[in-house]
C-alpha atoms as a PDB file:
ATOM      1  CA  MET A   1       0.000   0.000   0.000  1.00  0.00           C
ATOM      2  CA  GLN A   2       1.902   3.059  -1.235  1.00  0.00           C
ATOM      3  CA  ASN A   3       1.354   6.776  -0.661  1.00  0.00           C
ATOM      4  CA  LYS A   4      -2.139   6.659   0.755  1.00  0.00           C
ATOM      5  CA  ARG A   5      -3.775   8.814   3.392  1.00  0.00           C
ATOM      6  CA  ILE A   6      -4.924   6.525   6.180  1.00  0.00           C
ATOM      7  CA  LEU A   7      -6.981   7.112   9.308  1.00  0.00           C
ATOM      8  CA  VAL A   8      -6.627   4.745  12.280  1.00  0.00           C
ATOM      9  CA  THR A   9      -9.162   5.177  15.084  1.00  0.00           C
ATOM     10  CA  GLY A  10      -7.980   3.867  18.415  1.00  0.00           C
ATOM     11  CA  GLY A  11      -4.642   4.664  16.826  1.00  0.00           C
ATOM     12  CA  ALA A  12      -2.734   5.314  20.057  1.00  0.00           C
ATOM     13  CA  GLY A  13      -3.829   2.010  21.593  1.00  0.00           C
ATOM     14  CA  PHE A  14      -2.163  -1.387  21.546  1.00  0.00           C
ATOM     15  CA  ILE A  15      -3.055  -2.770  18.111  1.00  0.00           C
ATOM     16  CA  GLY A  16      -3.803   0.662  16.643  1.00  0.00           C
ATOM     17  CA  SER A  17      -0.375   2.123  17.373  1.00  0.00           C
ATOM     18  CA  ASN A  18       1.416  -0.950  16.031  1.00  0.00           C
ATOM     19  CA  LEU A  19      -0.642  -0.629  12.846  1.00  0.00           C
ATOM     20  CA  ALA A  20      -0.223   3.159  12.542  1.00  0.00           C
ATOM     21  CA  ASN A  21       3.546   2.979  13.023  1.00  0.00           C
ATOM     22  CA  ARG A  22       3.851   0.242  10.395  1.00  0.00           C
ATOM     23  CA  LEU A  23       1.689   2.099   7.866  1.00  0.00           C
ATOM     24  CA  ALA A  24       3.505   5.402   8.438  1.00  0.00           C
ATOM     25  CA  GLU A  25       6.632   3.911   6.874  1.00  0.00           C
ATOM     26  CA  ASP A  26       4.998   4.304   3.440  1.00  0.00           C
ATOM     27  CA  ASN A  27       1.862   6.422   3.927  1.00  0.00           C
ATOM     28  CA  ASP A  28       0.402   9.556   5.492  1.00  0.00           C
ATOM     29  CA  VAL A  29      -1.206   8.272   8.692  1.00  0.00           C
ATOM     30  CA  ILE A  30      -3.530  10.001  11.148  1.00  0.00           C
ATOM     31  CA  ALA A  31      -4.165   8.341  14.508  1.00  0.00           C
ATOM     32  CA  VAL A  32      -7.342   9.369  16.329  1.00  0.00           C
ATOM     33  CA  ASP A  33      -7.642   8.393  19.996  1.00  0.00           C
ATOM     34  CA  ASP A  34      -9.442   9.724  23.077  1.00  0.00           C
ATOM     35  CA  LEU A  35      -6.632   8.323  25.280  1.00  0.00           C
ATOM     36  CA  TYR A  36      -8.943   6.163  27.410  1.00  0.00           C
ATOM     37  CA  LEU A  37      -6.490   3.284  26.978  1.00  0.00           C
ATOM     38  CA  GLY A  38      -4.041   4.714  24.454  1.00  0.00           C
ATOM     39  CA  THR A  39      -1.152   7.135  24.774  1.00  0.00           C
ATOM     40  CA  PRO A  40       0.596   9.229  22.085  1.00  0.00           C
ATOM     41  CA  GLU A  41       3.893   7.867  23.421  1.00  0.00           C
ATOM     42  CA  ASN A  42       3.073   4.655  21.540  1.00  0.00           C
ATOM     43  CA  LEU A  43       3.275   6.473  18.205  1.00  0.00           C
ATOM     44  CA  SER A  44       6.248   7.212  16.013  1.00  0.00           C
ATOM     45  CA  SER A  45       6.983  10.796  15.010  1.00  0.00           C
ATOM     46  CA  ASP A  46       5.797   9.969  11.475  1.00  0.00           C
ATOM     47  CA  VAL A  47       2.187   9.556  12.654  1.00  0.00           C
ATOM     48  CA  GLU A  48      -0.087  12.595  12.984  1.00  0.00           C
ATOM     49  CA  PHE A  49      -1.954  12.311  16.288  1.00  0.00           C
ATOM     50  CA  VAL A  50      -5.422  13.781  16.880  1.00  0.00           C
ATOM     51  CA  ASP A  51      -6.932  13.708  20.373  1.00  0.00           C
ATOM     52  CA  ALA A  52     -10.586  13.023  19.570  1.00  0.00           C
ATOM     53  CA  SER A  53     -13.445  10.627  20.183  1.00  0.00           C
ATOM     54  CA  VAL A  54     -15.079   8.492  17.498  1.00  0.00           C
ATOM     55  CA  LEU A  55     -18.321  10.086  18.690  1.00  0.00           C
ATOM     56  CA  ASP A  56     -17.156  13.530  17.522  1.00  0.00           C
ATOM     57  CA  ASP A  57     -18.781  15.031  14.422  1.00  0.00           C
ATOM     58  CA  ASP A  58     -15.577  16.438  12.917  1.00  0.00           C
ATOM     59  CA  LEU A  59     -13.250  13.462  12.524  1.00  0.00           C
ATOM     60  CA  PRO A  60     -10.295  14.045  10.138  1.00  0.00           C
ATOM     61  CA  THR A  61     -11.693  11.977   7.263  1.00  0.00           C
ATOM     62  CA  GLU A  62     -11.010  14.422   4.436  1.00  0.00           C
ATOM     63  CA  ASP A  63      -9.036  12.827   1.584  1.00  0.00           C
ATOM     64  CA  VAL A  64      -8.663   9.566   3.533  1.00  0.00           C
ATOM     65  CA  ASP A  65      -8.237   6.491   1.309  1.00  0.00           C
ATOM     66  CA  VAL A  66      -8.587   3.832   4.030  1.00  0.00           C
ATOM     67  CA  LEU A  67     -10.257   3.862   7.438  1.00  0.00           C
ATOM     68  CA  TYR A  68      -9.031   1.368  10.020  1.00  0.00           C
ATOM     69  CA  HIS A  69     -11.578   1.441  12.827  1.00  0.00           C
ATOM     70  CA  LEU A  70     -10.037  -0.112  15.940  1.00  0.00           C
ATOM     71  CA  ALA A  71     -11.447   2.238  18.592  1.00  0.00           C
ATOM     72  CA  ALA A  72     -13.569   0.404  21.137  1.00  0.00           C
ATOM     73  CA  LEU A  73     -14.252  -0.362  24.748  1.00  0.00           C
ATOM     74  CA  SER A  74     -12.424  -3.611  24.308  1.00  0.00           C
ATOM     75  CA  SER A  75     -13.434  -5.992  27.064  1.00  0.00           C
ATOM     76  CA  TYR A  76     -16.379  -7.686  28.748  1.00  0.00           C
ATOM     77  CA  LYS A  77     -15.554  -5.972  32.054  1.00  0.00           C
ATOM     78  CA  MET A  78     -15.596  -2.457  30.563  1.00  0.00           C
ATOM     79  CA  HIS A  79     -19.055  -3.068  29.108  1.00  0.00           C
ATOM     80  CA  GLU A  80     -20.588  -4.553  32.231  1.00  0.00           C
ATOM     81  CA  GLU A  81     -19.446  -1.507  34.221  1.00  0.00           C
ATOM     82  CA  ASP A  82     -21.256   0.839  31.810  1.00  0.00           C
ATOM     83  CA  PRO A  83     -23.300  -0.904  29.070  1.00  0.00           C
ATOM     84  CA  THR A  84     -24.704   2.355  27.664  1.00  0.00           C
ATOM     85  CA  THR A  85     -21.297   3.932  27.138  1.00  0.00           C
ATOM     86  CA  GLY A  86     -20.043   0.638  25.696  1.00  0.00           C
ATOM     87  CA  ALA A  87     -22.827   0.639  23.120  1.00  0.00           C
ATOM     88  CA  ARG A  88     -22.294   4.304  22.261  1.00  0.00           C
ATOM     89  CA  VAL A  89     -18.568   3.936  21.685  1.00  0.00           C
ATOM     90  CA  ASN A  90     -18.612   0.545  19.971  1.00  0.00           C
ATOM     91  CA  ILE A  91     -21.736   0.903  17.832  1.00  0.00           C
ATOM     92  CA  GLU A  92     -22.516   4.602  17.448  1.00  0.00           C
ATOM     93  CA  GLY A  93     -18.796   5.388  17.221  1.00  0.00           C
ATOM     94  CA  PHE A  94     -18.399   2.844  14.425  1.00  0.00           C
ATOM     95  CA  VAL A  95     -21.368   4.171  12.453  1.00  0.00           C
ATOM     96  CA  ASN A  96     -20.229   7.757  13.005  1.00  0.00           C
ATOM     97  CA  ALA A  97     -16.663   7.138  11.801  1.00  0.00           C
ATOM     98  CA  VAL A  98     -17.704   5.090   8.765  1.00  0.00           C
ATOM     99  CA  GLU A  99     -20.395   7.576   7.777  1.00  0.00           C
ATOM    100  CA  GLN A 100     -18.000  10.527   7.933  1.00  0.00           C
ATOM    101  CA  ALA A 101     -15.433   8.574   5.907  1.00  0.00           C
ATOM    102  CA  ARG A 102     -18.122   7.675   3.356  1.00  0.00           C
ATOM    103  CA  GLU A 103     -19.233  11.282   3.014  1.00  0.00           C
ATOM    104  CA  ASP A 104     -15.617  12.166   2.205  1.00  0.00           C
ATOM    105  CA  ASP A 105     -15.489   9.462  -0.497  1.00  0.00           C
ATOM    106  CA  CYS A 106     -13.541   6.805   1.407  1.00  0.00           C
ATOM    107  CA  ASP A 107     -14.918   3.400   0.409  1.00  0.00           C
ATOM    108  CA  THR A 108     -12.430   1.027   2.102  1.00  0.00           C
ATOM    109  CA  VAL A 109     -12.873   0.194   5.776  1.00  0.00           C
ATOM    110  CA  VAL A 110     -11.167  -2.422   7.933  1.00  0.00           C
ATOM    111  CA  TYR A 111     -12.563  -2.758  11.448  1.00  0.00           C
ATOM    112  CA  ALA A 112     -12.151  -4.792  14.619  1.00  0.00           C
ATOM    113  CA  THR A 113     -14.806  -7.228  15.699  1.00  0.00           C
ATOM    114  CA  THR A 114     -14.180 -10.145  18.093  1.00  0.00           C
ATOM    115  CA  SER A 115     -13.562 -13.889  18.165  1.00  0.00           C
ATOM    116  CA  SER A 116     -15.236 -14.243  21.576  1.00  0.00           C
ATOM    117  CA  ILE A 117     -18.628 -14.555  19.849  1.00  0.00           C
ATOM    118  CA  TYR A 118     -17.639 -18.110  18.861  1.00  0.00           C
ATOM    119  CA  GLY A 119     -17.880 -19.097  22.522  1.00  0.00           C
ATOM    120  CA  SER A 120     -15.764 -21.922  23.971  1.00  0.00           C
ATOM    121  CA  ARG A 121     -14.411 -24.225  21.273  1.00  0.00           C
ATOM    122  CA  THR A 122     -11.399 -26.528  21.178  1.00  0.00           C
ATOM    123  CA  GLU A 123     -11.862 -27.008  17.422  1.00  0.00           C
ATOM    124  CA  PRO A 124     -10.994 -24.276  14.898  1.00  0.00           C
ATOM    125  CA  SER A 125     -13.861 -21.798  14.517  1.00  0.00           C
ATOM    126  CA  PRO A 126     -14.781 -20.851  10.922  1.00  0.00           C
ATOM    127  CA  GLU A 127     -16.440 -17.538  10.062  1.00  0.00           C
ATOM    128  CA  SER A 128     -19.444 -19.433   8.689  1.00  0.00           C
ATOM    129  CA  MET A 129     -20.526 -20.905  12.025  1.00  0.00           C
ATOM    130  CA  GLU A 130     -23.522 -19.511  13.876  1.00  0.00           C
ATOM    131  CA  VAL A 131     -22.609 -17.006  16.581  1.00  0.00           C
ATOM    132  CA  ILE A 132     -24.533 -15.411  19.433  1.00  0.00           C
ATOM    133  CA  ALA A 133     -23.992 -12.487  21.788  1.00  0.00           C
ATOM    134  CA  ARG A 134     -23.540 -13.579  25.413  1.00  0.00           C
ATOM    135  CA  THR A 135     -22.257 -10.225  26.660  1.00  0.00           C
ATOM    136  CA  GLY A 136     -22.738  -6.535  25.924  1.00  0.00           C
ATOM    137  CA  TYR A 137     -19.254  -6.450  24.431  1.00  0.00           C
ATOM    138  CA  GLU A 138     -20.073  -9.264  21.998  1.00  0.00           C
ATOM    139  CA  ALA A 139     -23.427  -7.658  21.135  1.00  0.00           C
ATOM    140  CA  SER A 140     -21.684  -4.392  20.270  1.00  0.00           C
ATOM    141  CA  LYS A 141     -19.241  -6.143  17.940  1.00  0.00           C
ATOM    142  CA  LEU A 142     -22.019  -8.136  16.241  1.00  0.00           C
ATOM    143  CA  ALA A 143     -23.870  -4.856  15.740  1.00  0.00           C
ATOM    144  CA  ARG A 144     -20.786  -3.513  13.934  1.00  0.00           C
ATOM    145  CA  GLU A 145     -20.869  -6.494  11.607  1.00  0.00           C
ATOM    146  CA  ARG A 146     -24.525  -5.836  10.779  1.00  0.00           C
ATOM    147  CA  TYR A 147     -23.943  -2.130  10.178  1.00  0.00           C
ATOM    148  CA  ALA A 148     -21.012  -3.056   7.948  1.00  0.00           C
ATOM    149  CA  GLU A 149     -23.430  -5.146   5.855  1.00  0.00           C
ATOM    150  CA  TYR A 150     -25.665  -2.094   5.577  1.00  0.00           C
ATOM    151  CA  PHE A 151     -22.851   0.182   4.405  1.00  0.00           C
ATOM    152  CA  HIS A 152     -21.722  -2.446   1.897  1.00  0.00           C
ATOM    153  CA  HIS A 153     -25.130  -3.137   0.373  1.00  0.00           C
ATOM    154  CA  HIS A 154     -26.490   0.412   0.549  1.00  0.00           C
ATOM    155  CA  TYR A 155     -23.355   2.331  -0.463  1.00  0.00           C
ATOM    156  CA  ASP A 156     -21.191  -0.300  -2.194  1.00  0.00           C
ATOM    157  CA  MET A 157     -18.358   0.154   0.284  1.00  0.00           C
ATOM    158  CA  SER A 158     -15.815  -2.560   1.174  1.00  0.00           C
ATOM    159  CA  LEU A 159     -15.790  -3.320   4.902  1.00  0.00           C
ATOM    160  CA  ALA A 160     -13.637  -6.114   6.317  1.00  0.00           C
ATOM    161  CA  GLY A 161     -14.471  -7.167   9.867  1.00  0.00           C
ATOM    162  CA  MET A 162     -11.474  -8.806  11.500  1.00  0.00           C
ATOM    163  CA  ARG A 163     -12.100 -11.237  14.359  1.00  0.00           C
ATOM    164  CA  PHE A 164      -8.891 -11.172  16.399  1.00  0.00           C
ATOM    165  CA  PHE A 165      -7.788 -14.114  18.527  1.00  0.00           C
ATOM    166  CA  SER A 166      -5.945 -13.253  21.797  1.00  0.00           C
ATOM    167  CA  VAL A 167      -3.533 -10.626  20.487  1.00  0.00           C
ATOM    168  CA  TYR A 168      -0.352 -10.182  22.508  1.00  0.00           C
ATOM    169  CA  GLN A 169       2.919  -8.285  22.753  1.00  0.00           C
ATOM    170  CA  GLY A 170       5.219  -7.531  25.653  1.00  0.00           C
ATOM    171  CA  PHE A 171       5.273  -4.525  27.958  1.00  0.00           C
ATOM    172  CA  GLY A 172       7.177  -1.704  26.361  1.00  0.00           C
ATOM    173  CA  GLY A 173       5.198  -2.426  23.206  1.00  0.00           C
ATOM    174  CA  ALA A 174       2.123  -0.258  23.800  1.00  0.00           C
ATOM    175  CA  GLU A 175       0.654  -2.429  26.567  1.00  0.00           C
ATOM    176  CA  GLU A 176       2.311  -1.428  29.847  1.00  0.00           C
ATOM    177  CA  HIS A 177       0.078   1.536  30.677  1.00  0.00           C
ATOM    178  CA  LYS A 178      -3.082  -0.584  30.305  1.00  0.00           C
ATOM    179  CA  GLY A 179      -2.504  -2.412  33.598  1.00  0.00           C
ATOM    180  CA  GLU A 180      -5.266  -4.972  34.190  1.00  0.00           C
ATOM    181  CA  TYR A 181      -6.455  -4.566  30.586  1.00  0.00           C
ATOM    182  CA  ALA A 182      -3.096  -5.549  29.074  1.00  0.00           C
ATOM    183  CA  ASN A 183      -2.835  -8.936  27.363  1.00  0.00           C
ATOM    184  CA  THR A 184      -2.259 -11.901  29.647  1.00  0.00           C
ATOM    185  CA  VAL A 185       1.078 -12.889  28.088  1.00  0.00           C
ATOM    186  CA  ALA A 186       2.555  -9.476  28.895  1.00  0.00           C
ATOM    187  CA  GLN A 187       1.011  -9.433  32.385  1.00  0.00           C
ATOM    188  CA  PHE A 188       2.193 -12.939  33.300  1.00  0.00           C
ATOM    189  CA  ALA A 189       5.713 -12.397  31.934  1.00  0.00           C
ATOM    190  CA  HIS A 190       6.028  -9.150  33.894  1.00  0.00           C
ATOM    191  CA  LYS A 191       4.929 -10.798  37.137  1.00  0.00           C
ATOM    192  CA  ILE A 192       7.106 -13.866  36.723  1.00  0.00           C
ATOM    193  CA  ALA A 193      10.153 -11.742  35.812  1.00  0.00           C
ATOM    194  CA  ASN A 194       9.590  -9.852  39.072  1.00  0.00           C
ATOM    195  CA  GLY A 195       9.162 -13.007  41.138  1.00  0.00           C
ATOM    196  CA  GLU A 196       5.385 -12.660  41.505  1.00  0.00           C
ATOM    197  CA  ARG A 197       2.957 -15.539  41.011  1.00  0.00           C
ATOM    198  CA  PRO A 198       0.516 -14.967  38.125  1.00  0.00           C
ATOM    199  CA  GLU A 199      -3.112 -15.727  38.976  1.00  0.00           C
ATOM    200  CA  LEU A 200      -4.862 -18.325  36.818  1.00  0.00           C
ATOM    201  CA  PHE A 201      -8.598 -18.909  36.893  1.00  0.00           C
ATOM    202  CA  GLY A 202      -9.691 -22.411  37.890  1.00  0.00           C
ATOM    203  CA  ASP A 203      -7.056 -25.039  37.144  1.00  0.00           C
ATOM    204  CA  GLY A 204      -5.321 -23.097  34.353  1.00  0.00           C
ATOM    205  CA  SER A 205      -6.481 -25.512  31.655  1.00  0.00           C
ATOM    206  CA  GLN A 206      -8.282 -22.849  29.619  1.00  0.00           C
ATOM    207  CA  THR A 207      -6.763 -22.394  26.160  1.00  0.00           C
ATOM    208  CA  ARG A 208      -6.245 -19.459  23.826  1.00  0.00           C
ATOM    209  CA  ASP A 209      -5.182 -19.019  20.227  1.00  0.00           C
ATOM    210  CA  PHE A 210      -2.415 -16.524  21.049  1.00  0.00           C
ATOM    211  CA  THR A 211      -1.666 -14.342  18.009  1.00  0.00           C
ATOM    212  CA  HIS A 212       1.287 -11.959  17.902  1.00  0.00           C
ATOM    213  CA  VAL A 213       0.458  -8.341  17.106  1.00  0.00           C
ATOM    214  CA  ASP A 214       2.912  -8.353  14.162  1.00  0.00           C
ATOM    215  CA  ASP A 215       0.799 -11.023  12.460  1.00  0.00           C
ATOM    216  CA  ILE A 216      -2.381  -9.075  13.232  1.00  0.00           C
ATOM    217  CA  VAL A 217      -0.927  -5.916  11.678  1.00  0.00           C
ATOM    218  CA  ARG A 218       0.071  -7.794   8.503  1.00  0.00           C
ATOM    219  CA  GLY A 219      -3.454  -9.147   8.254  1.00  0.00           C
ATOM    220  CA  LEU A 220      -5.014  -5.721   8.653  1.00  0.00           C
ATOM    221  CA  VAL A 221      -2.778  -4.246   5.952  1.00  0.00           C
ATOM    222  CA  LEU A 222      -3.588  -7.100   3.558  1.00  0.00           C
ATOM    223  CA  ALA A 223      -7.319  -6.724   4.221  1.00  0.00           C
ATOM    224  CA  ALA A 224      -7.207  -3.118   3.004  1.00  0.00           C
ATOM    225  CA  GLU A 225      -4.914  -3.869   0.069  1.00  0.00           C
ATOM    226  CA  HIS A 226      -7.327  -6.550  -1.157  1.00  0.00           C
ATOM    227  CA  GLN A 227     -10.402  -4.441  -0.275  1.00  0.00           C
ATOM    228  CA  LEU A 228     -11.878  -7.430   1.491  1.00  0.00           C
ATOM    229  CA  GLN A 229     -15.586  -7.553   2.237  1.00  0.00           C
ATOM    230  CA  GLY A 230     -17.139  -9.584   5.029  1.00  0.00           C
ATOM    231  CA  ILE A 231     -15.773 -11.303   8.130  1.00  0.00           C
ATOM    232  CA  TYR A 232     -12.278 -12.764   8.510  1.00  0.00           C
ATOM    233  CA  ASN A 233     -10.471 -14.533  11.342  1.00  0.00           C
ATOM    234  CA  LEU A 234      -6.943 -13.574  12.357  1.00  0.00           C
ATOM    235  CA  GLY A 235      -5.488 -16.352  14.489  1.00  0.00           C
ATOM    236  CA  THR A 236      -2.987 -19.190  14.325  1.00  0.00           C
ATOM    237  CA  SER A 237      -5.148 -22.363  14.439  1.00  0.00           C
ATOM    238  CA  GLU A 238      -3.068 -23.433  17.451  1.00  0.00           C
ATOM    239  CA  SER A 239      -4.012 -23.141  21.107  1.00  0.00           C
ATOM    240  CA  TYR A 240      -2.071 -23.249  24.361  1.00  0.00           C
ATOM    241  CA  SER A 241      -3.332 -23.509  27.930  1.00  0.00           C
ATOM    242  CA  PHE A 242      -2.519 -20.868  30.506  1.00  0.00           C
ATOM    243  CA  ASN A 243      -0.507 -23.520  32.352  1.00  0.00           C
ATOM    244  CA  GLU A 244       1.544 -24.078  29.195  1.00  0.00           C
ATOM    245  CA  MET A 245       2.001 -20.325  28.782  1.00  0.00           C
ATOM    246  CA  VAL A 246       3.363 -19.973  32.326  1.00  0.00           C
ATOM    247  CA  SER A 247       5.733 -22.894  31.720  1.00  0.00           C
ATOM    248  CA  MET A 248       6.985 -21.330  28.466  1.00  0.00           C
ATOM    249  CA  ILE A 249       7.548 -17.972  30.176  1.00  0.00           C
ATOM    250  CA  ASN A 250       9.513 -19.673  32.968  1.00  0.00           C
ATOM    251  CA  ASP A 251      11.612 -21.480  30.354  1.00  0.00           C
ATOM    252  CA  ALA A 252      12.321 -18.247  28.489  1.00  0.00           C
ATOM    253  CA  LEU A 253      13.246 -16.339  31.650  1.00  0.00           C
ATOM    254  CA  GLY A 254      15.109 -19.179  33.345  1.00  0.00           C
ATOM    255  CA  THR A 255      12.780 -18.901  36.334  1.00  0.00           C
ATOM    256  CA  ASP A 256      10.581 -21.350  38.244  1.00  0.00           C
ATOM    257  CA  VAL A 257       7.628 -19.317  39.470  1.00  0.00           C
ATOM    258  CA  GLU A 258       4.487 -21.325  40.221  1.00  0.00           C
ATOM    259  CA  PRO A 259       1.117 -19.793  39.330  1.00  0.00           C
ATOM    260  CA  ALA A 260      -1.587 -19.151  41.909  1.00  0.00           C
ATOM    261  CA  TYR A 261      -4.984 -20.689  41.113  1.00  0.00           C
ATOM    262  CA  ILE A 262      -8.057 -18.618  41.977  1.00  0.00           C
ATOM    263  CA  GLU A 263     -11.790 -18.852  41.426  1.00  0.00           C
ATOM    264  CA  ASN A 264     -12.971 -17.401  38.111  1.00  0.00           C
ATOM    265  CA  PRO A 265     -14.699 -14.072  38.953  1.00  0.00           C
ATOM    266  CA  PHE A 266     -16.558 -13.756  35.630  1.00  0.00           C
ATOM    267  CA  GLU A 267     -20.149 -14.915  35.108  1.00  0.00           C
ATOM    268  CA  VAL A 268     -19.555 -15.323  31.367  1.00  0.00           C
ATOM    269  CA  TYR A 269     -16.165 -16.743  30.396  1.00  0.00           C
ATOM    270  CA  VAL A 270     -14.813 -18.249  27.194  1.00  0.00           C
ATOM    271  CA  HIS A 271     -12.745 -21.269  28.222  1.00  0.00           C
ATOM    272  CA  ASP A 272     -11.191 -22.215  24.869  1.00  0.00           C
ATOM    273  CA  THR A 273     -10.531 -20.538  21.528  1.00  0.00           C
ATOM    274  CA  MET A 274      -8.964 -21.543  18.241  1.00  0.00           C
ATOM    275  CA  ALA A 275      -9.121 -19.841  14.844  1.00  0.00           C
ATOM    276  CA  ASP A 276      -9.736 -21.275  11.425  1.00  0.00           C
ATOM    277  CA  TYR A 277      -7.868 -18.772   9.224  1.00  0.00           C
ATOM    278  CA  THR A 278      -8.510 -20.595   5.927  1.00  0.00           C
ATOM    279  CA  LYS A 279     -10.722 -17.829   4.534  1.00  0.00           C
ATOM    280  CA  MET A 280      -8.130 -15.105   5.149  1.00  0.00           C
ATOM    281  CA  HIS A 281      -5.358 -17.279   3.715  1.00  0.00           C
ATOM    282  CA  GLU A 282      -7.317 -18.034   0.545  1.00  0.00           C
ATOM    283  CA  ALA A 283      -8.223 -14.362   0.052  1.00  0.00           C
ATOM    284  CA  THR A 284      -4.785 -12.824   0.653  1.00  0.00           C
ATOM    285  CA  GLY A 285      -2.175 -15.517   1.280  1.00  0.00           C
ATOM    286  CA  TRP A 286      -1.915 -14.423   4.926  1.00  0.00           C
ATOM    287  CA  GLU A 287      -0.733 -16.910   7.495  1.00  0.00           C
ATOM    288  CA  PRO A 288       0.822 -16.431  10.938  1.00  0.00           C
ATOM    289  CA  GLU A 289       4.605 -16.107  10.974  1.00  0.00           C
ATOM    290  CA  VAL A 290       5.363 -15.741  14.703  1.00  0.00           C
ATOM    291  CA  SER A 291       5.069 -19.033  16.609  1.00  0.00           C
ATOM    292  CA  PHE A 292       3.909 -18.810  20.201  1.00  0.00           C
ATOM    293  CA  LYS A 293       7.301 -20.008  21.423  1.00  0.00           C
ATOM    294  CA  GLU A 294       9.049 -17.231  19.487  1.00  0.00           C
ATOM    295  CA  GLY A 295       6.446 -14.725  20.622  1.00  0.00           C
ATOM    296  CA  VAL A 296       6.922 -15.621  24.292  1.00  0.00           C
ATOM    297  CA  GLU A 297      10.689 -15.292  23.854  1.00  0.00           C
ATOM    298  CA  ARG A 298      10.192 -11.817  22.348  1.00  0.00           C
ATOM    299  CA  VAL A 299       7.996 -10.811  25.290  1.00  0.00           C
ATOM    300  CA  CYS A 300      10.578 -12.079  27.788  1.00  0.00           C
ATOM    301  CA  GLU A 301      13.694 -10.737  26.047  1.00  0.00           C
ATOM    302  CA  PRO A 302      13.691  -7.240  27.633  1.00  0.00           C
ATOM    303  CA  TYR A 303      13.785  -8.805  31.120  1.00  0.00           C
ATOM    304  CA  LEU A 304      16.976 -10.663  30.218  1.00  0.00           C
ATOM    305  CA  GLN A 305      18.895  -7.531  29.216  1.00  0.00           C
END
């Protein structure tokens, strides 16, 4: 993707800043963020930062070729604390950003939805399977997918909804300031490196399809380049338990910190996830390049300096 003007909402956050910094190597990139979870410190000097909310009526969409919409209240907990605000940001904010982009003649949108709507599955989840909303967070992301259908059919726009699977990166890579909302790999590695016991829900047997942010960013870029339409998974088709993750972190750090097992505090909890990324691979050639072992080693490397 060469010499385009690109808008990334949620652009100072974890995935957004990684994407914006990558795109800014070859394009004019604007990152919009209200700094609820993001910080401009995540962004390279090549990215233009705008402190704004996706609910604002004057987003910088003029002359934008591609809109990446990643802004969201991005967890179950955030939504249960304030369901109305969650719906406003995740649904109204999506419609508002896409509509302003459309009015300024941008017809390519790539946006974040969620893999949690597949529920608990130890088999790979294809995009074609039936999904339901069990939480306000999942409902808000499903609503995005339906509004994306509307914009596609009514205005002939291309909107690719990307269902991410357990995206991770280490602290120092746009996650540290998020605290309890940072990815579990970064949180556990930080605790273990500091001699603290990470807390695992239940017996630690729950599994995740851990996907490195570098692979996610490549997928997002390819989705725009191919002007994909519809829903696409970004995951590895491999899953690891939290117990296995802790063991791998200990191996990488040369430590032997045992986890602490606690009761799961969440009423609704996805125990297992695994992606089927066949559709994305067939459409663009994308496949994950960072194995979980390599990813864990990358996360742990700064602690070994």
